[in-house]
N, C-alpha and C. Protein backbone atom coordinates (compact mmCIF):
# COMPACT_ATOMS: atom_id res chain seq x y z
N MET A 1 -35.09 -14.13 36.28
CA MET A 1 -33.92 -15.00 35.10
C MET A 1 -35.38 -16.29 35.10
N SER A 2 -35.74 -16.29 33.66
CA SER A 2 -35.85 -17.30 33.27
C SER A 2 -35.68 -19.00 33.14
N ASN A 3 -36.53 -19.46 33.41
CA ASN A 3 -36.25 -20.83 33.77
C ASN A 3 -35.28 -21.82 32.45
N PRO A 4 -34.14 -22.76 32.61
CA PRO A 4 -33.47 -23.02 31.38
C PRO A 4 -33.64 -24.07 30.78
N LEU A 5 -34.88 -24.82 31.63
CA LEU A 5 -35.46 -25.85 31.02
C LEU A 5 -36.56 -25.29 29.88
N GLY A 6 -37.66 -24.57 30.05
CA GLY A 6 -38.27 -23.73 29.51
C GLY A 6 -39.18 -24.03 30.35
N ARG A 7 -40.74 -23.42 29.81
CA ARG A 7 -42.01 -23.03 30.51
C ARG A 7 -43.03 -23.92 29.63
N PHE A 8 -43.78 -24.50 30.37
CA PHE A 8 -45.11 -25.06 29.72
C PHE A 8 -45.76 -23.55 29.21
N GLU A 9 -46.83 -23.94 28.03
CA GLU A 9 -46.78 -23.19 27.31
C GLU A 9 -48.86 -23.05 26.93
N PHE A 10 -49.70 -22.78 27.14
CA PHE A 10 -51.04 -22.28 26.27
C PHE A 10 -51.46 -21.47 25.69
N ARG A 11 -52.23 -21.52 24.21
CA ARG A 11 -52.07 -20.55 23.70
C ARG A 11 -53.34 -20.98 22.64
N ILE A 12 -54.24 -19.78 22.49
CA ILE A 12 -55.26 -19.78 21.63
C ILE A 12 -55.40 -18.49 20.87
N TRP A 13 -56.18 -18.86 19.62
CA TRP A 13 -56.15 -18.11 19.05
C TRP A 13 -57.50 -17.27 18.78
N GLY A 14 -58.38 -15.76 17.91
CA GLY A 14 -59.55 -16.13 17.64
C GLY A 14 -59.68 -14.43 17.27
N ASN A 15 -60.60 -13.66 16.62
CA ASN A 15 -60.78 -12.62 16.79
C ASN A 15 -61.58 -11.76 17.48
N HIS A 16 -62.16 -12.61 18.80
CA HIS A 16 -63.16 -12.47 20.18
C HIS A 16 -63.24 -12.77 21.04
N LEU A 17 -61.61 -12.28 21.67
CA LEU A 17 -61.25 -13.00 23.14
C LEU A 17 -61.22 -12.10 23.95
N SER A 18 -61.75 -10.67 23.63
CA SER A 18 -61.62 -9.83 24.59
C SER A 18 -62.50 -10.10 26.11
N PRO A 19 -63.30 -11.20 26.29
CA PRO A 19 -64.10 -11.93 27.50
C PRO A 19 -62.73 -12.57 28.28
N PHE A 20 -62.23 -13.49 27.35
CA PHE A 20 -60.84 -14.26 28.64
C PHE A 20 -60.19 -13.18 28.75
N ARG A 21 -59.91 -11.67 28.29
CA ARG A 21 -59.21 -10.82 28.78
C ARG A 21 -59.83 -10.23 29.86
N ASP A 22 -60.79 -9.81 30.19
CA ASP A 22 -61.72 -9.50 31.56
C ASP A 22 -61.28 -10.41 32.43
N ARG A 23 -61.54 -11.79 32.02
CA ARG A 23 -61.11 -13.09 33.63
C ARG A 23 -60.14 -12.44 33.67
N LEU A 24 -58.78 -12.50 33.03
CA LEU A 24 -57.24 -13.03 33.28
C LEU A 24 -57.39 -11.51 34.04
N THR A 25 -57.80 -10.60 34.21
CA THR A 25 -57.63 -9.61 34.77
C THR A 25 -58.29 -9.80 36.39
N ALA A 26 -59.37 -10.08 36.19
CA ALA A 26 -59.60 -10.94 37.41
C ALA A 26 -59.05 -11.94 38.39
N ILE A 27 -57.84 -12.45 37.84
CA ILE A 27 -57.24 -13.03 38.46
C ILE A 27 -56.03 -13.03 38.41
N ALA A 28 -55.53 -11.63 37.54
CA ALA A 28 -53.99 -11.44 37.87
C ALA A 28 -53.66 -10.14 37.29
N VAL A 29 -52.75 -9.57 37.88
CA VAL A 29 -52.54 -8.16 37.78
C VAL A 29 -52.08 -8.01 36.37
N PRO A 30 -52.23 -7.29 34.97
CA PRO A 30 -52.55 -6.52 34.22
C PRO A 30 -50.95 -5.64 34.01
N SER A 31 -50.57 -5.67 33.33
CA SER A 31 -49.44 -4.21 32.76
C SER A 31 -50.21 -3.41 31.57
N GLU A 32 -49.36 -2.08 31.45
CA GLU A 32 -50.08 -1.32 30.53
C GLU A 32 -49.57 -2.43 28.63
N PRO A 33 -50.82 -2.12 27.94
CA PRO A 33 -50.16 -2.36 26.93
C PRO A 33 -49.14 -1.98 26.08
N VAL A 34 -48.21 -2.61 25.81
CA VAL A 34 -46.74 -2.67 25.05
C VAL A 34 -46.94 -2.70 23.37
N GLU A 35 -46.67 -2.22 22.21
CA GLU A 35 -46.62 -1.73 20.55
C GLU A 35 -45.08 -2.45 20.53
N SER A 36 -45.25 -3.78 19.83
CA SER A 36 -44.06 -3.57 18.96
C SER A 36 -43.89 -4.42 17.59
N ALA A 37 -42.92 -4.21 17.04
CA ALA A 37 -42.73 -4.53 15.60
C ALA A 37 -41.88 -5.53 15.99
N GLU A 38 -42.07 -6.57 15.06
CA GLU A 38 -40.67 -8.10 15.06
C GLU A 38 -41.31 -8.66 14.12
N THR A 39 -40.15 -9.67 13.97
CA THR A 39 -40.33 -10.39 12.40
C THR A 39 -40.20 -11.68 12.52
N TYR A 40 -40.74 -12.66 12.42
CA TYR A 40 -40.62 -13.97 12.96
C TYR A 40 -40.19 -14.66 11.53
N ILE A 41 -39.57 -15.97 11.27
CA ILE A 41 -38.78 -16.53 10.25
C ILE A 41 -39.30 -17.65 10.17
N LEU A 42 -39.85 -17.98 9.68
CA LEU A 42 -40.81 -19.35 9.49
C LEU A 42 -40.04 -20.44 8.55
N SER A 43 -39.97 -21.68 9.02
CA SER A 43 -39.26 -23.06 8.06
C SER A 43 -40.11 -23.27 7.59
N ARG A 44 -39.70 -23.82 6.43
CA ARG A 44 -41.16 -25.38 5.98
C ARG A 44 -40.97 -26.66 6.47
N THR A 45 -39.81 -26.93 7.08
CA THR A 45 -39.79 -27.80 8.01
C THR A 45 -39.73 -28.17 9.33
N THR A 46 -40.11 -26.98 9.95
CA THR A 46 -40.73 -27.43 11.47
C THR A 46 -41.62 -26.85 11.90
N ASP A 47 -42.17 -26.67 12.76
CA ASP A 47 -42.98 -26.00 13.81
C ASP A 47 -42.70 -26.10 15.40
N THR A 48 -41.45 -26.70 15.39
CA THR A 48 -41.27 -26.77 16.81
C THR A 48 -40.10 -25.15 17.08
N ALA A 49 -39.31 -24.57 15.90
CA ALA A 49 -38.58 -23.74 16.16
C ALA A 49 -39.73 -22.11 16.19
N ASN A 50 -39.83 -21.22 16.93
CA ASN A 50 -39.89 -20.12 17.10
C ASN A 50 -38.53 -19.27 17.59
N VAL A 51 -38.36 -18.33 15.70
CA VAL A 51 -37.51 -17.90 15.66
C VAL A 51 -38.10 -16.04 15.30
N LYS A 52 -37.78 -15.20 15.93
CA LYS A 52 -37.82 -13.87 16.14
C LYS A 52 -37.09 -12.78 15.83
N ILE A 53 -36.95 -11.72 15.56
CA ILE A 53 -36.35 -10.51 15.64
C ILE A 53 -37.10 -9.58 16.29
N ARG A 54 -36.81 -8.92 17.20
CA ARG A 54 -37.78 -8.13 18.23
C ARG A 54 -36.60 -7.10 19.01
N ALA A 55 -36.93 -6.00 18.56
CA ALA A 55 -35.97 -5.21 19.43
C ALA A 55 -34.09 -5.47 18.86
N GLU A 56 -34.10 -5.63 17.32
CA GLU A 56 -32.96 -5.62 17.33
C GLU A 56 -32.10 -6.96 17.89
N LEU A 57 -33.00 -8.29 19.23
CA LEU A 57 -32.88 -8.99 19.16
C LEU A 57 -32.83 -10.45 18.10
N THR A 58 -32.01 -11.21 17.99
CA THR A 58 -32.61 -12.50 17.59
C THR A 58 -32.73 -13.35 18.88
N ASP A 59 -33.87 -14.09 18.60
CA ASP A 59 -34.85 -14.86 19.72
C ASP A 59 -35.48 -15.96 19.39
N ILE A 60 -34.54 -17.20 19.59
CA ILE A 60 -34.81 -18.24 19.45
C ILE A 60 -35.64 -19.03 20.67
N LYS A 61 -36.70 -19.84 20.41
CA LYS A 61 -37.26 -20.46 21.14
C LYS A 61 -37.44 -22.35 20.72
N LEU A 62 -37.46 -23.21 21.50
CA LEU A 62 -37.65 -24.59 20.78
C LEU A 62 -38.46 -25.23 21.82
N MET A 63 -39.38 -25.93 21.06
CA MET A 63 -40.47 -26.53 21.61
C MET A 63 -40.20 -28.15 22.23
N THR A 64 -39.68 -28.11 22.68
CA THR A 64 -38.86 -29.35 23.78
C THR A 64 -39.18 -30.58 23.93
N GLU A 65 -41.08 -30.29 24.09
CA GLU A 65 -41.72 -31.57 24.81
C GLU A 65 -43.08 -31.28 24.99
N GLN A 66 -44.16 -32.17 24.53
CA GLN A 66 -45.67 -31.99 24.86
C GLN A 66 -45.94 -33.16 25.66
N VAL A 67 -46.87 -32.38 27.23
CA VAL A 67 -47.36 -32.98 27.99
C VAL A 67 -48.55 -32.87 27.98
N GLY A 68 -49.63 -33.82 27.36
CA GLY A 68 -50.81 -33.77 27.24
C GLY A 68 -50.91 -32.60 26.23
N ARG A 69 -51.78 -31.38 26.54
CA ARG A 69 -52.19 -30.33 25.98
C ARG A 69 -51.32 -29.44 26.15
N LEU A 70 -50.32 -29.35 26.74
CA LEU A 70 -49.26 -28.43 26.53
C LEU A 70 -47.96 -28.68 26.40
N GLU A 71 -47.29 -27.65 25.92
CA GLU A 71 -46.10 -27.34 25.20
C GLU A 71 -45.13 -26.87 26.23
N ARG A 72 -44.06 -27.64 26.01
CA ARG A 72 -42.63 -26.65 26.76
C ARG A 72 -41.50 -26.38 25.75
N TRP A 73 -41.79 -24.70 25.79
CA TRP A 73 -40.72 -24.25 24.60
C TRP A 73 -39.26 -23.63 25.96
N ARG A 74 -38.19 -23.43 25.28
CA ARG A 74 -36.73 -23.61 25.59
C ARG A 74 -36.17 -22.26 25.13
N PRO A 75 -35.80 -21.72 25.97
CA PRO A 75 -35.49 -20.37 24.96
C PRO A 75 -33.65 -20.92 25.10
N VAL A 76 -32.97 -20.30 23.70
CA VAL A 76 -31.93 -20.86 23.49
C VAL A 76 -30.62 -20.23 22.84
N LEU A 77 -31.12 -19.13 22.34
CA LEU A 77 -31.07 -17.89 22.17
C LEU A 77 -31.50 -16.70 21.65
N LYS A 78 -30.70 -15.69 22.21
CA LYS A 78 -30.89 -14.13 22.62
C LYS A 78 -29.73 -13.31 21.94
N SER A 79 -29.34 -13.10 21.26
CA SER A 79 -28.55 -12.36 20.25
C SER A 79 -28.51 -11.29 19.98
N ALA A 80 -27.75 -10.27 19.82
CA ALA A 80 -27.79 -8.92 19.06
C ALA A 80 -27.31 -9.11 17.82
N PHE A 81 -27.37 -7.68 16.81
CA PHE A 81 -26.90 -7.66 15.89
C PHE A 81 -25.52 -6.45 15.42
N PRO A 82 -24.68 -7.20 14.88
CA PRO A 82 -24.95 -8.06 13.75
C PRO A 82 -24.51 -9.65 14.36
N LEU A 83 -24.92 -10.51 14.01
CA LEU A 83 -24.64 -11.67 14.16
C LEU A 83 -23.53 -12.21 13.05
N ASP A 84 -23.02 -13.23 14.34
CA ASP A 84 -21.79 -13.84 13.62
C ASP A 84 -21.81 -14.88 12.62
N ALA A 85 -20.89 -15.04 12.17
CA ALA A 85 -20.89 -16.22 10.73
C ALA A 85 -21.30 -17.26 12.17
N ARG A 86 -20.45 -17.82 12.51
CA ARG A 86 -20.65 -19.16 13.60
C ARG A 86 -21.99 -19.09 14.38
N THR A 87 -22.46 -18.06 14.62
CA THR A 87 -23.85 -18.18 15.57
C THR A 87 -24.87 -18.99 14.06
N ILE A 88 -24.98 -18.05 13.25
CA ILE A 88 -25.64 -18.29 12.71
C ILE A 88 -25.66 -19.63 11.98
N VAL A 89 -24.51 -20.44 11.61
CA VAL A 89 -24.29 -21.33 10.96
C VAL A 89 -24.61 -22.91 11.77
N GLU A 90 -24.06 -22.50 12.98
CA GLU A 90 -24.34 -23.44 14.17
C GLU A 90 -25.77 -23.82 15.30
N GLN A 91 -25.80 -22.18 14.93
CA GLN A 91 -27.77 -22.25 15.57
C GLN A 91 -28.68 -21.94 14.88
N VAL A 92 -28.87 -21.10 14.00
CA VAL A 92 -30.20 -20.26 13.97
C VAL A 92 -30.69 -20.73 12.57
N PHE A 93 -29.45 -21.45 11.46
CA PHE A 93 -30.16 -22.25 10.16
C PHE A 93 -30.13 -23.41 11.04
N PRO A 94 -29.52 -24.57 11.84
CA PRO A 94 -30.17 -25.50 12.00
C PRO A 94 -31.10 -25.65 13.30
N HIS A 95 -31.57 -24.52 13.52
CA HIS A 95 -33.05 -24.86 14.37
C HIS A 95 -33.67 -24.40 13.58
N LEU A 96 -33.68 -23.67 12.24
CA LEU A 96 -34.61 -23.85 11.60
C LEU A 96 -34.75 -24.97 10.45
N GLY A 97 -33.81 -25.98 10.94
CA GLY A 97 -33.82 -27.24 9.79
C GLY A 97 -33.43 -27.43 8.95
N VAL A 98 -33.11 -25.96 8.27
CA VAL A 98 -31.93 -26.09 6.96
C VAL A 98 -30.86 -25.98 6.75
N PRO A 99 -29.95 -26.08 5.62
CA PRO A 99 -28.99 -25.64 5.54
C PRO A 99 -28.39 -24.11 5.28
N VAL A 100 -27.56 -23.42 5.36
CA VAL A 100 -26.46 -22.27 5.35
C VAL A 100 -26.42 -22.36 3.95
N GLU A 101 -26.72 -21.91 2.52
CA GLU A 101 -26.85 -21.48 1.53
C GLU A 101 -25.64 -21.18 1.29
N GLN A 102 -25.14 -20.08 1.65
CA GLN A 102 -23.84 -19.04 1.63
C GLN A 102 -23.38 -17.88 2.70
N ILE A 103 -22.57 -18.82 3.24
CA ILE A 103 -22.03 -17.70 4.03
C ILE A 103 -20.73 -16.74 3.41
N THR A 104 -20.98 -15.61 3.83
CA THR A 104 -19.90 -14.97 2.47
C THR A 104 -18.96 -13.59 3.11
N GLN A 105 -19.47 -13.80 4.72
CA GLN A 105 -18.81 -12.69 5.53
C GLN A 105 -18.64 -13.04 6.98
N PRO A 106 -18.10 -12.30 7.43
CA PRO A 106 -18.04 -12.66 8.81
C PRO A 106 -18.89 -12.70 10.39
N SER A 107 -20.27 -11.25 9.65
CA SER A 107 -20.96 -11.24 10.32
C SER A 107 -22.06 -10.53 9.57
N TYR A 108 -23.36 -10.13 10.31
CA TYR A 108 -24.21 -9.77 9.48
C TYR A 108 -25.31 -8.85 10.02
N THR A 109 -25.75 -7.69 9.21
CA THR A 109 -26.18 -6.98 10.39
C THR A 109 -27.60 -7.80 9.79
N HIS A 110 -28.69 -6.84 10.82
CA HIS A 110 -30.51 -7.41 10.74
C HIS A 110 -30.61 -7.23 9.15
N GLY A 111 -30.91 -6.41 8.56
CA GLY A 111 -30.78 -5.80 7.22
C GLY A 111 -29.92 -7.23 6.30
N GLU A 112 -28.47 -7.14 6.37
CA GLU A 112 -28.06 -8.34 5.33
C GLU A 112 -28.35 -9.76 5.95
N PHE A 113 -28.78 -10.23 7.05
CA PHE A 113 -28.78 -11.56 7.36
C PHE A 113 -30.25 -12.14 6.17
N LEU A 114 -31.33 -11.17 6.80
CA LEU A 114 -32.73 -11.08 5.97
C LEU A 114 -32.50 -11.02 4.60
N ARG A 115 -31.89 -10.15 3.98
CA ARG A 115 -31.93 -9.86 2.78
C ARG A 115 -30.79 -10.98 1.85
N ASP A 116 -29.44 -11.43 2.73
CA ASP A 116 -28.88 -11.95 2.05
C ASP A 116 -29.28 -13.85 2.18
N LEU A 117 -29.33 -13.96 3.07
CA LEU A 117 -29.20 -15.95 3.95
C LEU A 117 -30.94 -16.07 4.11
N VAL A 118 -31.93 -15.42 4.40
CA VAL A 118 -33.31 -15.57 4.49
C VAL A 118 -34.17 -15.65 3.72
N ARG A 119 -34.08 -14.67 2.98
CA ARG A 119 -34.80 -14.09 1.57
C ARG A 119 -35.05 -14.93 0.74
N PRO A 120 -33.28 -15.93 0.36
CA PRO A 120 -33.28 -16.00 -0.73
C PRO A 120 -33.94 -18.04 -0.53
N HIS A 121 -34.09 -18.34 0.72
CA HIS A 121 -33.78 -19.68 0.93
C HIS A 121 -35.29 -19.36 0.44
N ARG A 122 -35.52 -21.14 -0.30
CA ARG A 122 -36.78 -21.35 -0.54
C ARG A 122 -37.79 -22.12 0.52
N ASP A 123 -37.24 -22.88 1.39
CA ASP A 123 -38.18 -23.01 2.47
C ASP A 123 -38.55 -22.20 3.96
N LEU A 124 -38.15 -21.35 3.58
CA LEU A 124 -37.48 -20.23 4.58
C LEU A 124 -39.11 -18.81 4.16
N SER A 125 -39.46 -18.28 5.11
CA SER A 125 -40.51 -16.94 4.87
C SER A 125 -40.23 -16.15 5.81
N ILE A 126 -40.34 -14.81 5.60
CA ILE A 126 -40.02 -13.52 6.79
C ILE A 126 -41.20 -12.84 7.28
N VAL A 127 -42.05 -12.51 8.08
CA VAL A 127 -43.34 -12.79 8.43
C VAL A 127 -43.04 -11.53 9.60
N PRO A 128 -43.43 -10.37 8.76
CA PRO A 128 -43.27 -9.23 10.02
C PRO A 128 -44.60 -8.55 10.51
N VAL A 129 -44.38 -8.30 11.91
CA VAL A 129 -45.79 -8.70 12.80
C VAL A 129 -45.75 -7.21 13.89
N VAL A 130 -47.34 -6.78 13.60
CA VAL A 130 -47.22 -5.60 14.54
C VAL A 130 -48.04 -6.30 15.70
N LYS A 131 -47.40 -6.22 17.35
CA LYS A 131 -48.39 -6.80 18.26
C LYS A 131 -48.18 -5.60 19.35
N LEU A 132 -49.99 -5.46 19.95
CA LEU A 132 -50.55 -4.69 21.14
C LEU A 132 -50.68 -5.78 22.04
N ARG A 133 -49.87 -5.99 23.13
CA ARG A 133 -49.35 -7.15 24.39
C ARG A 133 -49.81 -6.07 25.68
N CYS A 134 -50.95 -7.28 26.35
CA CYS A 134 -50.56 -7.06 27.93
C CYS A 134 -50.57 -8.42 29.01
N GLN A 135 -49.59 -8.19 29.34
CA GLN A 135 -49.37 -9.00 30.40
C GLN A 135 -50.07 -9.26 30.97
N PHE A 136 -49.69 -10.41 31.96
CA PHE A 136 -50.74 -10.66 33.26
C PHE A 136 -49.68 -11.43 33.91
N ARG A 137 -49.93 -11.05 35.48
CA ARG A 137 -48.88 -11.93 36.37
C ARG A 137 -49.81 -12.38 37.70
N SER A 138 -49.24 -13.61 37.96
CA SER A 138 -50.58 -14.16 39.26
C SER A 138 -48.85 -14.69 40.03
N GLU A 139 -49.44 -15.30 41.13
CA GLU A 139 -48.32 -16.24 41.92
C GLU A 139 -47.84 -17.44 40.75
N LYS A 140 -49.28 -18.39 40.55
CA LYS A 140 -48.62 -19.26 39.91
C LYS A 140 -48.37 -19.31 38.78
N PHE A 141 -48.83 -18.15 38.07
CA PHE A 141 -48.95 -18.33 36.07
C PHE A 141 -48.30 -17.12 35.87
N THR A 142 -47.85 -16.98 34.62
CA THR A 142 -47.99 -15.12 33.71
C THR A 142 -48.74 -16.00 32.43
N ALA A 143 -49.36 -14.25 31.69
CA ALA A 143 -49.90 -14.82 30.80
C ALA A 143 -50.15 -13.67 30.08
N GLU A 144 -50.85 -13.34 28.57
CA GLU A 144 -50.65 -12.54 27.69
C GLU A 144 -51.81 -12.55 27.01
N PHE A 145 -52.73 -11.04 27.01
CA PHE A 145 -53.58 -10.98 25.50
C PHE A 145 -52.80 -10.42 24.92
N ALA A 146 -53.04 -10.50 23.47
CA ALA A 146 -52.06 -9.34 22.40
C ALA A 146 -53.09 -9.60 21.28
N GLU A 147 -53.14 -8.55 20.54
CA GLU A 147 -53.34 -8.47 19.18
C GLU A 147 -52.67 -8.46 18.51
N VAL A 148 -52.76 -9.19 17.22
CA VAL A 148 -51.16 -9.37 16.11
C VAL A 148 -51.73 -9.50 15.26
N GLN A 149 -50.63 -8.92 13.93
CA GLN A 149 -51.77 -8.17 12.34
C GLN A 149 -50.67 -8.46 12.12
N ILE A 150 -50.20 -9.14 10.93
CA ILE A 150 -48.89 -9.56 10.31
C ILE A 150 -49.43 -8.89 8.81
N SER A 151 -48.09 -8.80 8.38
CA SER A 151 -48.13 -7.32 7.01
C SER A 151 -48.85 -7.83 5.58
N GLY A 152 -49.80 -7.21 5.52
CA GLY A 152 -50.58 -7.43 4.34
C GLY A 152 -51.87 -7.34 5.14
N GLY A 153 -52.16 -7.13 6.23
CA GLY A 153 -53.59 -7.10 6.75
C GLY A 153 -53.86 -7.80 8.17
N ALA A 154 -53.35 -9.12 7.60
CA ALA A 154 -54.41 -9.92 8.54
C ALA A 154 -54.20 -9.82 10.04
N THR A 155 -55.31 -9.75 10.46
CA THR A 155 -55.02 -9.88 11.96
C THR A 155 -55.69 -10.68 12.99
N SER A 156 -55.14 -11.10 14.52
CA SER A 156 -55.86 -11.98 14.76
C SER A 156 -55.26 -11.74 16.63
N GLU A 157 -56.43 -11.99 17.49
CA GLU A 157 -56.09 -12.21 18.68
C GLU A 157 -55.40 -13.50 19.49
N THR A 158 -55.04 -13.22 20.66
CA THR A 158 -54.12 -14.30 21.36
C THR A 158 -54.53 -14.28 22.55
N VAL A 159 -54.66 -15.62 22.88
CA VAL A 159 -54.44 -15.25 24.95
C VAL A 159 -53.53 -16.39 24.91
N GLU A 160 -52.33 -15.86 26.10
CA GLU A 160 -51.57 -17.20 26.17
C GLU A 160 -51.56 -17.58 27.80
N ILE A 161 -51.57 -18.66 28.42
CA ILE A 161 -50.88 -18.42 29.85
C ILE A 161 -49.15 -19.83 29.99
N GLU A 162 -48.76 -19.51 30.29
CA GLU A 162 -47.68 -20.07 30.85
C GLU A 162 -46.62 -20.30 32.04
N SER A 163 -46.18 -21.34 32.24
CA SER A 163 -45.41 -21.41 34.13
C SER A 163 -44.36 -22.71 33.73
N ASP A 164 -44.22 -22.93 34.88
CA ASP A 164 -42.74 -23.97 35.68
C ASP A 164 -43.62 -24.93 35.68
N ASP A 165 -44.81 -24.77 36.04
CA ASP A 165 -45.76 -26.06 36.53
C ASP A 165 -46.71 -26.43 35.76
N PRO A 166 -46.72 -27.00 35.25
CA PRO A 166 -48.32 -27.72 34.19
C PRO A 166 -48.84 -27.77 34.80
N ALA A 167 -49.20 -27.94 36.01
CA ALA A 167 -50.85 -27.91 37.06
C ALA A 167 -51.37 -26.50 36.49
N ALA A 168 -49.91 -25.82 36.93
CA ALA A 168 -50.39 -24.32 37.39
C ALA A 168 -51.35 -23.79 35.71
N VAL A 169 -50.94 -23.97 34.88
CA VAL A 169 -51.30 -23.96 33.64
C VAL A 169 -52.77 -24.27 33.31
N LEU A 170 -52.53 -25.69 33.80
CA LEU A 170 -53.89 -26.01 33.59
C LEU A 170 -54.75 -26.26 34.79
N ARG A 171 -54.84 -25.04 36.14
CA ARG A 171 -55.85 -24.99 36.26
C ARG A 171 -56.19 -23.66 36.38
N ALA A 172 -54.99 -22.76 35.31
CA ALA A 172 -55.71 -21.33 34.80
C ALA A 172 -56.95 -21.80 33.61
N ILE A 173 -56.33 -22.60 32.84
CA ILE A 173 -56.90 -23.11 31.49
C ILE A 173 -58.50 -23.57 31.85
N ALA A 174 -58.60 -23.86 33.10
CA ALA A 174 -59.80 -24.41 33.46
C ALA A 174 -60.64 -23.52 34.27
N LYS A 175 -59.89 -22.08 34.99
CA LYS A 175 -60.36 -21.50 35.53
C LYS A 175 -60.67 -20.06 34.47
N LEU A 176 -60.49 -20.37 33.21
CA LEU A 176 -60.85 -19.34 32.17
C LEU A 176 -61.36 -19.71 31.69
N GLY A 177 -62.18 -21.07 31.47
CA GLY A 177 -63.39 -21.22 30.67
C GLY A 177 -62.94 -21.66 28.96
N LEU A 178 -60.84 -22.13 29.54
CA LEU A 178 -60.84 -22.37 27.79
C LEU A 178 -60.43 -24.08 27.66
N ASN A 179 -61.03 -24.61 28.43
CA ASN A 179 -60.89 -26.27 28.09
C ASN A 179 -61.58 -26.66 26.78
N SER A 180 -62.17 -26.10 26.17
CA SER A 180 -62.67 -27.05 24.55
C SER A 180 -61.91 -25.87 23.49
N HIS A 181 -60.98 -25.79 24.03
CA HIS A 181 -59.81 -24.55 23.08
C HIS A 181 -58.61 -25.64 22.58
N ALA A 182 -58.40 -25.75 21.54
CA ALA A 182 -57.00 -26.04 20.91
C ALA A 182 -55.66 -25.31 22.00
N ASN A 183 -54.89 -25.79 21.96
CA ASN A 183 -53.47 -25.52 21.98
C ASN A 183 -52.66 -24.88 20.81
N ILE A 184 -52.69 -23.52 19.91
CA ILE A 184 -51.72 -23.83 18.79
C ILE A 184 -50.96 -23.00 19.13
N ASN A 185 -49.81 -23.44 18.90
CA ASN A 185 -48.27 -22.41 19.35
C ASN A 185 -48.58 -21.04 17.83
N TYR A 186 -47.39 -20.30 18.51
CA TYR A 186 -47.47 -19.01 17.35
C TYR A 186 -46.90 -19.12 15.81
N VAL A 187 -45.93 -20.48 16.25
CA VAL A 187 -45.46 -20.57 14.44
C VAL A 187 -46.79 -21.27 13.58
N ARG A 188 -47.22 -22.73 14.14
CA ARG A 188 -48.49 -22.78 13.52
C ARG A 188 -49.11 -22.11 12.86
N HIS A 189 -50.11 -21.12 13.90
CA HIS A 189 -50.85 -20.08 13.77
C HIS A 189 -50.39 -19.26 12.83
N LEU A 190 -49.13 -18.09 12.61
CA LEU A 190 -48.73 -17.82 11.76
C LEU A 190 -48.02 -18.18 9.97
N LYS A 191 -48.28 -19.74 10.66
CA LYS A 191 -48.39 -20.33 9.31
C LYS A 191 -49.61 -20.17 8.51
N LEU A 192 -50.20 -20.64 9.38
CA LEU A 192 -51.96 -20.89 8.57
C LEU A 192 -52.56 -19.12 8.85
N MET A 193 -51.70 -17.88 9.24
CA MET A 193 -52.01 -16.77 8.15
C MET A 193 -51.37 -16.33 7.28
N THR A 194 -50.51 -16.85 6.54
CA THR A 194 -49.78 -16.69 5.71
C THR A 194 -49.99 -17.91 4.53
N GLY A 195 -50.65 -19.00 5.56
CA GLY A 195 -50.89 -19.99 3.45
C GLY A 195 -49.59 -20.98 3.44
N MET A 196 -48.56 -20.65 4.53
CA MET A 196 -47.88 -21.76 4.65
C MET A 196 -48.50 -23.28 5.60
N THR A 197 -48.26 -24.11 4.89
CA THR A 197 -49.11 -25.27 5.71
C THR A 197 -48.11 -25.71 7.03
N PRO A 198 -48.76 -26.00 7.97
CA PRO A 198 -48.15 -26.28 8.95
C PRO A 198 -47.58 -27.91 8.82
N ARG A 199 -46.32 -28.44 9.22
CA ARG A 199 -46.58 -29.61 9.40
C ARG A 199 -47.11 -30.20 10.25
N ALA A 200 -48.47 -31.35 9.51
CA ALA A 200 -48.95 -32.07 10.09
C ALA A 200 -48.32 -33.44 11.65
N SER A 201 -47.19 -33.39 10.85
CA SER A 201 -46.40 -34.90 11.70
C SER A 201 -45.29 -34.25 12.66
N ALA A 202 -45.49 -33.23 12.75
CA ALA A 202 -44.35 -32.12 13.62
C ALA A 202 -44.88 -32.37 14.77
N THR A 203 -43.74 -32.69 15.81
CA THR A 203 -43.42 -33.71 17.04
C THR A 203 -42.41 -32.59 17.33
N ALA A 204 -42.18 -32.10 18.77
CA ALA A 204 -40.68 -32.14 19.59
C ALA A 204 -40.27 -33.26 19.60
N SER A 205 -38.31 -33.12 19.57
CA SER A 205 -37.42 -33.86 19.74
C SER A 205 -37.74 -34.12 21.06
């Protein structure tokens, strides 16, 4: 069961990160690679809400705290389609930091939600993403190496480390040789990949 308070995360991006994947393999147990098609919803008003649709589930995490170089991300919603109007009005759009412009149905399918509510909104952007992910598990932390491609062809690689214990993340960062790298979360990097400027002043509340 995931920690309701969230986990501390550190993530880097680049195009030649396989040496770090190899280092992870030496200190943690890897899973088989898994490919997934996901849809991210980016908001111009916030960099602290990670909103995606994967396997017909709306999945939302919020960045609630920054501790040094680390960010704590807390899961706040995982809901299957059709999404009821109340969830959309009271949770999804408030987390994205924008108002719901028009609700005309008691619930929305995946396609209706994107077409009727997200796509028309000037402050929201829909980003289809294909990932090939390999997860790693150790006693103190979990990690991931992924190849990420967005619609239109831009690609990037990412390495992420997370744990309930921030000290465990920092130790793993040092062991993998990542101390010189910046921590850039999914939301901010997808904005950079798609040309939506991250908010310079965006911080956790």
